[in-house]
Amino acid sequence: MSTSLDRLRRLHSLRPQHAKAEPVYAPLEDEVSFDAPVDALGTADALPPGAEVVTDLGACYLVTTTYPLATVRGRQALGDLLQVSPATLAPFHPDFRLEGMDFRQAAFVDTETTGLGGGAGIFAFMVGVGAFAWDDPNAATTGALPDNFVLRQYFMRHPGEERALLGALADDLGQQQMVVTFNGRAFDLPLLRGRYLQHRRHLGERGRVALIDEGAAHLDLLYPARRLWRRRLQSCRLINLEQMILGLARSEEDVPGALIPQLYNDYLRTNQTGAINRIFYHNREDIVSMVALAHRLVLAYGDEQSRSDVEGEDWLALAVCYERQGDLARAEDAYRAATTAIADDGWRADAFARLGDLLKRQERWDEAAAVWELWLTSLPGHDMTPFCELSKYCEWRLHDLEQAEMWAAWALHDLRQAAPYQRRPGQIADLEHRLARIRRKMGSTAA
């Protein structure tokens, strides 16, 4: 037996031996060095012109861009936003807590991250914060208008700089009273809250940023934009709103947002900064566009004197918002504007239907009847709603059975001529039942 074992051992020793790879472990959070070698941080002069921010938590990179208030973005100057109030949107989004807020004290925030989802493994390697600023800090206390819009982009050249970035960002956000984002309620702010929580042991008081708490004043532009423009736009992504609403087109320097996580990982691996410059451009464009978009939204939701560039389907969207808010007078005006401004037959019919229903609920029967007559005489198709409403109006309000019979018979005739796919199930039977009842009443009256 021992001879056989010795033979097996000798044969095994003759097989080629492969060196066993040593396991590679990612450093624990506490083992990350803030004094990483220069090669690991990237060459500073290859990044956009900026400065290294050195704090007690380490260092990060900061790029600052200043825009005069006269800078035009989307046919409007950036400073025009200071002439309107975010409180205009408060009735439509009470959970945003915008009452008493002022855009002069707003932080426009956008993050670029290592992943598109959430979780402890995803962090914001770049955070842009835009705010209106005064050349003379004392001017802010006198009520004078700011002089510029200043955009600060905090960038970590290495994951070890995250604490320094969060600390510097906390100092910046602590000077503002409200935050403005685009889809920040679902993405940017929850991500930042998670990162501050991850580093709370090291950040101390700077780890408690009141401005990004769930209860803070926060205008997420995606929600009012989606309410207003989703009827006529295929997408309410920021890049699409720039093109369709603001009339802007980005340069070839831009990079699709979906590629940004991979580009940052490539930068960490190769130390090549070319793609990082494009990410700075992307982040900068996002934030400056938010200023212009906020201005357009406040004007659209504001009073008629300040509203501009509202298109057909937008009037319908505004009318629905006003009606839900309980402002029936403004809802009626917007519905009437929609019935004349909308080109699409389907959306225009929806505007007529909602306007007629609004007037009917207020028992303004004659005005509702006028809307139904205008509807059936100005729109083609086989929607029997205005015919049926007029038949009910004549039967129950005017007690004019002949007119009620005429409208019901007209609707039944048109519906029978329509293709089967243009009729709802049971619609013909309902009209036949209505017409028969009216005729029985007419017979009883004649008798």
Protein backbone atom coordinates (compact mmCIF):
# COMPACT_ATOMS: atom_id res chain seq x y z
CA MET A 1 0.00 0.00 0.00
CA SER A 2 2.80 2.42 0.89
CA THR A 3 4.49 1.69 -2.46
CA SER A 4 1.33 2.61 -4.34
CA LEU A 5 0.96 5.82 -2.34
CA ASP A 6 4.56 6.79 -3.02
CA ARG A 7 4.00 6.21 -6.75
CA LEU A 8 0.91 8.44 -6.73
CA ARG A 9 2.79 11.18 -4.93
CA ARG A 10 5.64 11.06 -7.50
CA LEU A 11 3.17 11.21 -10.41
CA HIS A 12 1.38 14.16 -8.82
CA SER A 13 4.65 16.03 -8.43
CA LEU A 14 5.28 15.73 -12.17
CA ARG A 15 2.05 17.63 -13.06
CA PRO A 16 2.52 21.32 -13.95
CA GLN A 17 1.91 23.48 -10.92
CA HIS A 18 0.00 26.79 -11.21
CA ALA A 19 0.67 29.52 -8.72
CA LYS A 20 -2.40 30.20 -6.66
CA ALA A 21 -3.54 33.81 -7.03
CA GLU A 22 -3.64 35.80 -3.86
CA PRO A 23 -7.15 37.11 -3.08
CA VAL A 24 -7.63 40.84 -3.62
CA TYR A 25 -9.82 42.58 -1.10
CA ALA A 26 -11.32 46.02 -1.40
CA PRO A 27 -10.07 48.12 1.50
CA LEU A 28 -12.45 48.59 4.38
CA GLU A 29 -13.94 52.04 4.76
CA ASP A 30 -11.61 52.90 7.63
CA GLU A 31 -8.60 51.73 5.60
CA VAL A 32 -9.12 54.14 2.70
CA SER A 33 -6.19 56.50 2.58
CA PHE A 34 -6.76 60.20 2.04
CA ASP A 35 -3.11 60.50 1.03
CA ALA A 36 -3.42 58.36 -2.09
CA PRO A 37 -0.61 58.69 -4.64
CA VAL A 38 -0.96 61.33 -7.33
CA ASP A 39 -1.32 58.70 -10.06
CA ALA A 40 -4.38 57.30 -8.30
CA LEU A 41 -6.00 60.72 -8.08
CA GLY A 42 -5.53 61.74 -11.69
CA THR A 43 -3.62 64.66 -13.05
CA ALA A 44 -5.24 67.85 -11.82
CA ASP A 45 -4.25 69.94 -14.81
CA ALA A 46 -6.08 67.51 -17.12
CA LEU A 47 -9.36 68.17 -15.34
CA PRO A 48 -11.40 71.35 -15.97
CA PRO A 49 -9.77 74.37 -14.31
CA GLY A 50 -10.49 74.26 -10.62
CA ALA A 51 -8.93 74.03 -7.21
CA GLU A 52 -8.21 71.40 -4.61
CA VAL A 53 -10.32 71.81 -1.49
CA VAL A 54 -8.42 70.66 1.59
CA THR A 55 -10.40 69.95 4.74
CA ASP A 56 -9.81 68.14 8.00
CA LEU A 57 -11.45 65.14 6.28
CA GLY A 58 -9.09 65.15 3.34
CA ALA A 59 -9.20 66.77 -0.09
CA CYS A 60 -11.49 66.86 -3.10
CA TYR A 61 -11.57 68.81 -6.35
CA LEU A 62 -13.83 71.81 -6.98
CA VAL A 63 -14.71 73.51 -10.26
CA THR A 64 -16.54 76.84 -9.98
CA THR A 65 -18.38 78.49 -12.88
CA THR A 66 -19.94 81.95 -12.61
CA TYR A 67 -22.81 83.05 -14.84
CA PRO A 68 -23.93 86.71 -14.97
CA LEU A 69 -27.66 87.06 -14.38
CA ALA A 70 -28.07 88.30 -17.97
CA THR A 71 -26.94 84.91 -19.31
CA VAL A 72 -29.72 83.68 -21.62
CA ARG A 73 -30.94 80.14 -21.22
CA GLY A 74 -34.02 79.00 -23.11
CA ARG A 75 -34.95 82.46 -24.39
CA GLN A 76 -34.87 83.85 -20.84
CA ALA A 77 -32.11 85.31 -18.71
CA LEU A 78 -31.12 83.34 -15.62
CA GLY A 79 -31.89 86.36 -13.46
CA ASP A 80 -35.53 86.32 -14.58
CA LEU A 81 -36.14 83.52 -12.11
CA LEU A 82 -35.64 86.00 -9.29
CA GLN A 83 -38.76 87.90 -10.43
CA VAL A 84 -41.08 84.95 -9.68
CA SER A 85 -41.80 82.92 -6.56
CA PRO A 86 -41.63 79.15 -6.03
CA ALA A 87 -44.74 79.55 -3.87
CA THR A 88 -46.74 79.73 -7.12
CA LEU A 89 -46.37 75.95 -7.33
CA ALA A 90 -47.26 75.36 -3.67
CA PRO A 91 -51.02 74.79 -4.20
CA PHE A 92 -50.30 72.12 -6.79
CA HIS A 93 -47.61 70.37 -4.74
CA PRO A 94 -48.23 71.07 -1.03
CA ASP A 95 -45.79 68.33 -0.02
CA PHE A 96 -42.95 70.39 -1.55
CA ARG A 97 -43.30 72.92 1.32
CA LEU A 98 -42.70 75.95 -0.91
CA GLU A 99 -44.73 78.53 1.00
CA GLY A 100 -42.57 81.51 1.91
CA MET A 101 -39.60 80.25 -0.13
CA ASP A 102 -37.45 82.43 -2.42
CA PHE A 103 -35.29 81.36 -5.34
CA ARG A 104 -32.56 83.66 -4.00
CA GLN A 105 -32.02 81.10 -1.24
CA ALA A 106 -32.33 77.96 -3.40
CA ALA A 107 -29.67 75.34 -4.07
CA PHE A 108 -29.98 73.66 -7.49
CA VAL A 109 -28.53 70.17 -6.97
CA ASP A 110 -27.61 67.39 -9.37
CA THR A 111 -25.47 64.31 -8.76
CA GLU A 112 -23.42 62.00 -10.97
CA THR A 113 -23.10 58.55 -9.49
CA THR A 114 -21.33 55.21 -9.84
CA GLY A 115 -24.60 53.42 -10.57
CA LEU A 116 -28.17 54.03 -11.67
CA GLY A 117 -29.74 52.32 -8.68
CA GLY A 118 -29.43 52.80 -4.95
CA GLY A 119 -27.66 50.86 -2.24
CA ALA A 120 -24.58 51.14 -0.09
CA GLY A 121 -22.26 50.43 -3.02
CA ILE A 122 -23.45 53.45 -5.02
CA PHE A 123 -21.97 56.87 -4.28
CA ALA A 124 -22.02 60.32 -5.84
CA PHE A 125 -18.58 61.02 -7.27
CA MET A 126 -19.70 64.47 -8.47
CA VAL A 127 -22.24 66.82 -6.92
CA GLY A 128 -23.13 70.09 -8.60
CA VAL A 129 -24.68 72.89 -6.55
CA GLY A 130 -25.88 76.08 -8.22
CA ALA A 131 -27.06 79.14 -6.29
CA PHE A 132 -27.55 82.84 -6.78
CA ALA A 133 -24.78 84.85 -5.15
CA TRP A 134 -23.83 88.42 -4.32
CA ASP A 135 -20.43 89.92 -5.10
CA ASP A 136 -20.72 91.72 -1.77
CA PRO A 137 -21.91 89.22 0.87
CA ASN A 138 -23.38 92.07 2.93
CA ALA A 139 -25.74 92.96 0.06
CA ALA A 140 -27.81 89.87 0.80
CA THR A 141 -29.00 91.40 4.06
CA THR A 142 -30.18 94.60 2.36
CA GLY A 143 -32.55 92.83 -0.02
CA ALA A 144 -30.47 93.64 -3.10
CA LEU A 145 -30.68 91.24 -6.01
CA PRO A 146 -27.80 88.80 -6.47
CA ASP A 147 -25.15 89.57 -9.07
CA ASN A 148 -24.47 86.10 -10.47
CA PHE A 149 -25.50 82.49 -10.58
CA VAL A 150 -22.58 80.44 -9.24
CA LEU A 151 -22.20 76.74 -9.93
CA ARG A 152 -19.86 74.63 -7.78
CA GLN A 153 -19.04 71.09 -8.89
CA TYR A 154 -17.49 68.92 -6.19
CA PHE A 155 -15.57 65.97 -7.63
CA MET A 156 -13.77 63.11 -5.93
CA ARG A 157 -10.77 61.98 -7.88
CA HIS A 158 -10.63 58.81 -5.83
CA PRO A 159 -13.17 57.05 -3.56
CA GLY A 160 -11.02 58.06 -0.61
CA GLU A 161 -12.12 61.68 -1.16
CA GLU A 162 -15.80 61.02 -0.49
CA ARG A 163 -15.73 62.27 3.10
CA ALA A 164 -14.06 65.52 2.07
CA LEU A 165 -16.63 66.00 -0.68
CA LEU A 166 -19.54 65.40 1.69
CA GLY A 167 -18.08 67.75 4.28
CA ALA A 168 -17.52 70.58 1.80
CA LEU A 169 -20.97 70.00 0.31
CA ALA A 170 -22.59 70.17 3.75
CA ASP A 171 -21.01 73.58 4.36
CA ASP A 172 -22.33 74.79 0.99
CA LEU A 173 -25.88 73.47 1.42
CA GLY A 174 -26.07 74.86 4.95
CA GLN A 175 -26.27 78.37 3.52
CA GLN A 176 -29.53 77.73 1.58
CA GLN A 177 -33.19 77.35 2.57
CA MET A 178 -34.62 75.18 -0.19
CA VAL A 179 -33.36 72.69 -2.75
CA VAL A 180 -34.32 72.38 -6.43
CA THR A 181 -33.73 69.14 -8.34
CA PHE A 182 -34.99 67.19 -11.32
CA ASN A 183 -36.17 63.78 -10.08
CA GLY A 184 -34.26 64.40 -6.87
CA ARG A 185 -37.05 63.09 -4.64
CA ALA A 186 -36.59 59.62 -6.05
CA PHE A 187 -32.85 59.60 -6.71
CA ASP A 188 -30.43 62.40 -5.80
CA LEU A 189 -31.51 63.27 -2.27
CA PRO A 190 -32.11 59.70 -1.01
CA LEU A 191 -28.67 58.80 -2.34
CA LEU A 192 -27.02 61.74 -0.57
CA ARG A 193 -28.86 60.95 2.67
CA GLY A 194 -27.53 57.42 2.48
CA ARG A 195 -23.95 58.57 1.90
CA TYR A 196 -24.06 60.99 4.83
CA LEU A 197 -25.45 58.21 7.00
CA GLN A 198 -22.62 55.93 5.86
CA HIS A 199 -20.01 58.46 7.02
CA ARG A 200 -21.80 59.97 10.01
CA ARG A 201 -19.16 58.71 12.45
CA HIS A 202 -16.48 60.78 10.71
CA LEU A 203 -18.54 63.78 9.61
CA GLY A 204 -19.99 64.66 13.00
CA GLU A 205 -22.35 67.64 12.80
CA ARG A 206 -21.64 68.04 9.09
CA GLY A 207 -23.34 64.69 8.59
CA ARG A 208 -26.71 66.24 9.47
CA VAL A 209 -27.66 68.30 6.42
CA ALA A 210 -31.13 69.71 7.09
CA LEU A 211 -31.60 70.85 3.49
CA ILE A 212 -31.72 67.28 2.14
CA ASP A 213 -34.03 65.89 4.85
CA GLU A 214 -37.39 64.57 3.68
CA GLY A 215 -39.22 67.36 5.48
CA ALA A 216 -37.21 70.21 3.95
CA ALA A 217 -38.47 72.58 1.23
CA HIS A 218 -37.78 70.79 -2.03
CA LEU A 219 -38.97 71.67 -5.54
CA ASP A 220 -38.61 68.60 -7.74
CA LEU A 221 -39.17 69.98 -11.24
CA LEU A 222 -40.03 66.59 -12.74
CA TYR A 223 -43.48 66.50 -11.13
CA PRO A 224 -44.93 69.84 -12.33
CA ALA A 225 -43.21 69.31 -15.69
CA ARG A 226 -44.81 65.91 -16.13
CA ARG A 227 -48.25 67.23 -15.18
CA LEU A 228 -47.98 70.06 -17.69
CA TRP A 229 -46.24 68.55 -20.71
CA ARG A 230 -46.74 64.79 -20.75
CA ARG A 231 -49.84 65.08 -22.98
CA ARG A 232 -47.89 66.46 -25.93
CA LEU A 233 -44.35 65.17 -25.29
CA GLN A 234 -43.29 61.58 -25.62
CA SER A 235 -40.78 61.97 -22.80
CA CYS A 236 -40.33 64.33 -19.86
CA ARG A 237 -36.65 63.55 -19.44
CA LEU A 238 -34.60 66.69 -18.83
CA ILE A 239 -32.73 66.40 -22.13
CA ASN A 240 -36.05 66.23 -23.99
CA LEU A 241 -37.50 69.20 -22.10
CA GLU A 242 -34.41 71.20 -23.02
CA GLN A 243 -35.05 70.56 -26.70
CA MET A 244 -38.85 70.76 -26.81
CA ILE A 245 -39.59 73.41 -24.15
CA LEU A 246 -36.44 75.51 -23.82
CA GLY A 247 -35.31 75.23 -27.45
CA LEU A 248 -31.79 74.14 -26.48
CA ALA A 249 -29.41 71.63 -28.02
CA ARG A 250 -26.30 70.38 -26.25
CA SER A 251 -22.94 70.18 -27.97
CA GLU A 252 -21.14 66.98 -28.89
CA GLU A 253 -19.24 67.37 -25.65
CA ASP A 254 -22.22 65.95 -23.77
CA VAL A 255 -22.41 62.32 -22.70
CA PRO A 256 -25.56 60.19 -22.16
CA GLY A 257 -26.35 59.85 -18.48
CA ALA A 258 -26.54 56.06 -18.69
CA LEU A 259 -22.86 55.89 -19.64
CA ILE A 260 -21.57 58.06 -16.80
CA PRO A 261 -21.05 55.29 -14.18
CA GLN A 262 -18.91 53.27 -16.57
CA LEU A 263 -16.93 56.32 -17.67
CA TYR A 264 -16.03 57.10 -14.06
CA ASN A 265 -14.98 53.49 -13.45
CA ASP A 266 -12.82 53.67 -16.58
CA TYR A 267 -11.26 56.87 -15.26
CA LEU A 268 -10.36 55.18 -11.97
CA ARG A 269 -8.85 52.27 -13.87
CA THR A 270 -6.93 54.15 -16.57
CA ASN A 271 -6.41 57.62 -15.07
CA GLN A 272 -7.61 59.14 -18.38
CA THR A 273 -9.59 62.32 -17.73
CA GLY A 274 -11.06 63.01 -21.16
CA ALA A 275 -14.45 61.49 -20.35
CA ILE A 276 -14.50 63.20 -16.95
CA ASN A 277 -14.43 66.59 -18.67
CA ARG A 278 -17.55 65.56 -20.58
CA ILE A 279 -19.24 64.57 -17.31
CA PHE A 280 -18.48 68.02 -15.88
CA TYR A 281 -20.17 69.50 -18.97
CA HIS A 282 -23.20 67.20 -18.58
CA ASN A 283 -23.65 68.07 -14.91
CA ARG A 284 -23.24 71.79 -15.59
CA GLU A 285 -25.84 71.75 -18.36
CA ASP A 286 -28.32 69.87 -16.17
CA ILE A 287 -28.15 72.46 -13.41
CA VAL A 288 -28.28 75.59 -15.56
CA SER A 289 -31.24 74.12 -17.47
CA MET A 290 -33.06 73.61 -14.18
CA VAL A 291 -32.97 77.37 -13.61
CA ALA A 292 -34.61 78.04 -16.98
CA LEU A 293 -37.09 75.19 -16.53
CA ALA A 294 -38.14 76.44 -13.09
CA HIS A 295 -38.87 79.84 -14.61
CA ARG A 296 -41.02 78.36 -17.39
CA LEU A 297 -42.99 76.23 -14.94
CA VAL A 298 -43.73 79.06 -12.51
CA LEU A 299 -44.93 81.24 -15.40
CA ALA A 300 -47.13 78.45 -16.77
CA TYR A 301 -48.78 77.73 -13.42
CA GLY A 302 -49.03 81.41 -12.52
CA ASP A 303 -51.71 83.94 -13.42
CA GLU A 304 -52.71 84.79 -16.97
CA GLN A 305 -50.70 88.02 -17.02
CA SER A 306 -47.39 86.20 -16.46
CA ARG A 307 -48.15 83.07 -18.49
CA SER A 308 -46.40 82.67 -21.84
CA ASP A 309 -45.84 80.07 -24.55
CA VAL A 310 -48.64 77.77 -23.37
CA GLU A 311 -49.67 75.38 -26.15
CA GLY A 312 -52.93 73.54 -26.69
CA GLU A 313 -52.45 70.37 -24.65
CA ASP A 314 -50.77 72.43 -21.94
CA TRP A 315 -54.02 74.38 -21.45
CA LEU A 316 -55.83 71.09 -20.85
CA ALA A 317 -53.19 69.99 -18.34
CA LEU A 318 -53.42 73.31 -16.49
CA ALA A 319 -57.20 73.11 -16.42
CA VAL A 320 -57.06 69.65 -14.82
CA CYS A 321 -54.60 70.95 -12.21
CA TYR A 322 -56.81 73.95 -11.40
CA GLU A 323 -59.89 71.76 -11.11
CA ARG A 324 -58.18 69.34 -8.74
CA GLN A 325 -57.03 72.31 -6.69
CA GLY A 326 -60.63 73.58 -6.51
CA ASP A 327 -60.00 76.75 -8.53
CA LEU A 328 -62.98 76.25 -10.83
CA ALA A 329 -62.90 79.71 -12.42
CA ARG A 330 -59.34 79.31 -13.66
CA ALA A 331 -60.09 75.72 -14.65
CA GLU A 332 -62.98 76.90 -16.82
CA ASP A 333 -60.85 79.54 -18.52
CA ALA A 334 -58.12 76.99 -19.24
CA TYR A 335 -60.63 74.42 -20.58
CA ARG A 336 -62.11 77.05 -22.93
CA ALA A 337 -58.62 77.95 -24.14
CA ALA A 338 -57.91 74.25 -24.70
CA THR A 339 -61.03 73.76 -26.85
CA THR A 340 -59.75 76.33 -29.33
CA ALA A 341 -55.97 75.80 -29.10
CA ILE A 342 -55.68 72.00 -29.32
CA ALA A 343 -55.21 70.58 -32.80
CA ASP A 344 -55.54 66.87 -31.92
CA ASP A 345 -59.19 65.78 -32.15
CA GLY A 346 -58.92 63.32 -29.27
CA TRP A 347 -57.45 65.78 -26.77
CA ARG A 348 -59.83 68.50 -27.94
CA ALA A 349 -62.82 66.22 -27.34
CA ASP A 350 -61.47 65.55 -23.86
CA ALA A 351 -61.35 69.31 -23.22
CA PHE A 352 -64.98 69.72 -24.37
CA ALA A 353 -66.08 66.79 -22.20
CA ARG A 354 -64.36 68.12 -19.09
CA LEU A 355 -65.64 71.66 -19.65
CA GLY A 356 -69.22 70.49 -20.15
CA ASP A 357 -69.02 68.29 -17.05
CA LEU A 358 -67.59 71.20 -15.02
CA LEU A 359 -70.50 73.46 -16.01
CA LYS A 360 -73.04 70.70 -15.43
CA ARG A 361 -71.80 70.10 -11.88
CA GLN A 362 -72.35 73.81 -11.23
CA GLU A 363 -75.88 73.49 -12.70
CA ARG A 364 -75.08 76.02 -15.40
CA TRP A 365 -77.19 74.03 -17.83
CA ASP A 366 -77.56 76.53 -20.66
CA GLU A 367 -73.81 77.15 -20.82
CA ALA A 368 -73.13 73.41 -20.72
CA ALA A 369 -75.58 72.87 -23.60
CA ALA A 370 -73.78 75.51 -25.64
CA VAL A 371 -70.49 73.65 -25.07
CA TRP A 372 -72.02 70.32 -26.16
CA GLU A 373 -73.43 71.89 -29.33
CA LEU A 374 -70.07 73.46 -30.16
CA TRP A 375 -68.41 70.10 -29.55
CA LEU A 376 -70.58 68.10 -31.96
CA THR A 377 -70.45 70.78 -34.67
CA SER A 378 -66.67 71.31 -34.58
CA LEU A 379 -65.25 67.83 -34.19
CA PRO A 380 -65.63 64.85 -36.51
CA GLY A 381 -65.98 61.29 -35.25
CA HIS A 382 -68.45 59.03 -33.55
CA ASP A 383 -68.33 60.26 -29.95
CA MET A 384 -71.98 60.29 -28.91
CA THR A 385 -71.39 62.07 -25.60
CA PRO A 386 -72.56 65.55 -26.72
CA PHE A 387 -75.69 64.09 -28.38
CA CYS A 388 -76.62 62.13 -25.26
CA GLU A 389 -75.95 65.09 -22.97
CA LEU A 390 -78.14 67.34 -25.10
CA SER A 391 -80.89 64.72 -25.15
CA LYS A 392 -80.84 64.49 -21.35
CA TYR A 393 -80.73 68.28 -21.05
CA CYS A 394 -83.82 68.70 -23.26
CA GLU A 395 -85.69 65.87 -21.57
CA TRP A 396 -85.07 66.71 -17.93
CA ARG A 397 -84.34 70.44 -17.89
CA LEU A 398 -86.31 71.92 -20.78
CA HIS A 399 -88.99 69.19 -20.79
CA ASP A 400 -88.82 69.39 -24.57
CA LEU A 401 -89.38 65.78 -25.59
CA GLU A 402 -89.26 66.47 -29.32
CA GLN A 403 -85.76 67.95 -29.02
CA ALA A 404 -84.73 65.12 -26.71
CA GLU A 405 -85.97 62.60 -29.26
CA MET A 406 -84.13 64.39 -32.08
CA TRP A 407 -80.75 64.28 -30.30
CA ALA A 408 -81.14 60.65 -29.25
CA ALA A 409 -82.27 59.57 -32.75
CA TRP A 410 -79.40 61.49 -34.34
CA ALA A 411 -76.91 59.76 -32.05
CA LEU A 412 -78.39 56.33 -32.75
CA HIS A 413 -78.30 56.91 -36.51
CA ASP A 414 -74.65 58.00 -36.49
CA LEU A 415 -73.65 55.16 -34.22
CA ARG A 416 -75.24 52.55 -36.46
CA GLN A 417 -73.28 53.97 -39.40
CA ALA A 418 -70.00 53.70 -37.50
CA ALA A 419 -67.63 50.76 -37.78
CA PRO A 420 -67.91 48.19 -34.97
CA TYR A 421 -64.53 49.18 -33.47
CA GLN A 422 -65.82 52.76 -33.08
CA ARG A 423 -68.67 51.68 -30.79
CA ARG A 424 -68.49 50.74 -27.13
CA PRO A 425 -70.17 47.46 -26.08
CA GLY A 426 -73.82 48.05 -25.26
CA GLN A 427 -73.82 51.61 -26.57
CA ILE A 428 -76.47 51.02 -29.24
CA ALA A 429 -78.70 49.19 -26.77
CA ASP A 430 -78.46 52.08 -24.31
CA LEU A 431 -79.46 54.60 -26.96
CA GLU A 432 -82.35 52.42 -28.16
CA HIS A 433 -83.58 52.17 -24.57
CA ARG A 434 -83.33 55.97 -24.12
CA LEU A 435 -85.14 56.69 -27.39
CA ALA A 436 -87.92 54.21 -26.60
CA ARG A 437 -88.47 55.76 -23.17
CA ILE A 438 -88.68 59.27 -24.62
CA ARG A 439 -91.20 58.13 -27.23
CA ARG A 440 -93.34 56.44 -24.58
CA LYS A 441 -93.38 59.68 -22.64
CA MET A 442 -94.29 61.57 -25.82
CA GLY A 443 -97.20 59.13 -26.37
CA SER A 444 -98.43 59.57 -22.83
CA THR A 445 -98.27 63.33 -23.19
CA ALA A 446 -100.20 63.23 -26.46
CA ALA A 447 -102.86 60.95 -24.94
